């Protein structure tokens, strides 16, 4: 049996995987504290230096391989896509193990305290429902796509470029996994808060719990904000690069074009999953307003409980929780429509200038 998402300790096996890549600090879920902070920073700086070195080497190799590819727009879109791909692990490592370690501790501690209040600690699910299984399935799918892409790119000799791109894409998967699971954890806590409202006599206390949850949301925004921007940007550039590849008529076999399409679809699926999950947090927090209005109908107009419920509804409505991309814009379903509009616009531009 594994912990369900109603108990934040469900993240423990995911943290164990992400720690290998310096994407999360050494947080002890039993002691509510960070451990090995100095070692974590050394590991982070070592990874950043290695990534920088390998990126320079792969960039040099890729420049030499451009003579095999269509010059101009094709090279530009593909290069921009790879820049965003490489930037994701740099930002993820820096925000997790160098800059925001204390925020990680506060975020996980708040989750554990909230779970105690809601009495959801030790809630478990069967193996096939475990979140960590979903991570391994996601990674397995990525590895399968990577193997095919490696085969498709075999006519081109730039192994170093492929290695750095594949490694950074793995960071991309782990980052999406972390964000999605934290968003689902927050969504579940807002759902639990709606149930808790019906058994808790003090609306003021429920309002306090809501403020704690919104503060946790702000921590998530601080930790993952810039990563979200890079993930969305990568979705756009990856799609544009793949679309251009499909119509550019490269002199390779069909596997070359299919490999681009597979990676684009894989990235798009991850982005859609991310956007829908983040949007679900906003929708779930907003439902508390409806619960307040529904519940207050049970009391008379002069009732103190009714007035408290109305005040709580106003408080929640004035401070609806929302995951943002570094506070530049909210992540909602309309974000995906914006991405589609951007891809369409720039694809038309690419056709105009590329052919």
Foldseek 3Di string as FASTA:
>chain_A
DAADLLAVCLCVVLVVVVLVLLLAFQADLVVLDGPPLVVSVVVLVVNVVVLVVLVVVLVVLVVVQCVQDDDDPLVVLVVVLLVLLSVLSNLSNCLHRPNPNVLSSLLSSLSNVLSVVLVRPPHDDDPVNRLVVVLVVLVVVLVVLLVLLCVQCVVTPRVSNSVSSSVSVVSVSSLLSVLLSVLVSLLVSLVSLLVVVVVDPDLVVSLVSLVSSLVSLVSSCSRCQQSLVSLLVSLLSLVLSLVCLVPVDRPGDPSNSVSSVVVSVSSVVSNVSSLASQQSSLVSLLVSLVSLVVVLVVDDPPDPSNVSSNVSSVSSVVRGRFRHNNPPGTRHPVVVVVSVVSSVVVSVVCVVPVD
